Amino acid sequence: MRGVVFVQHHGIPGFRYSMIEEVANVALFTPLGMLGVLALGAPRWWIVVLAGTAMSASVELAQGAFLPARVASGTDVAANGAGALLGATAAAVIAARTRRRGRIRS
């Protein structure tokens, strides 16, 4: 939190802790999306994104139900789903480019 206050005071007044949390939620699920596409294949990218979002929703529901100090957040679910989508997209693009380069060299 001190870091956020420091950044706000020294040039980025609109910078908030929630921004860090949102970026962290996206970053947390990006590798999951990438690994899922590598495991299932690019045509099944939507399954990976759906599974990542469902996993995030399950965690948020559990927090809301069993951890009174925590608050379930739809924003977290959306950010985690976006991270899974970002990772799945990146893996699909990398896989397509790798296949294309392999065909050209053959």
Foldseek 3Di string as FASTA:
>chain_A
DVVQVVCCVPPPVVRDPVVVVLVVLLQVQLVQLQVVCVVPPLVCSVVSLVVQLVVLQVVLVCCCVPPPVDHRDPSSSVSNSNSSSNNNVVNNVVVVVVVVVVVVVD
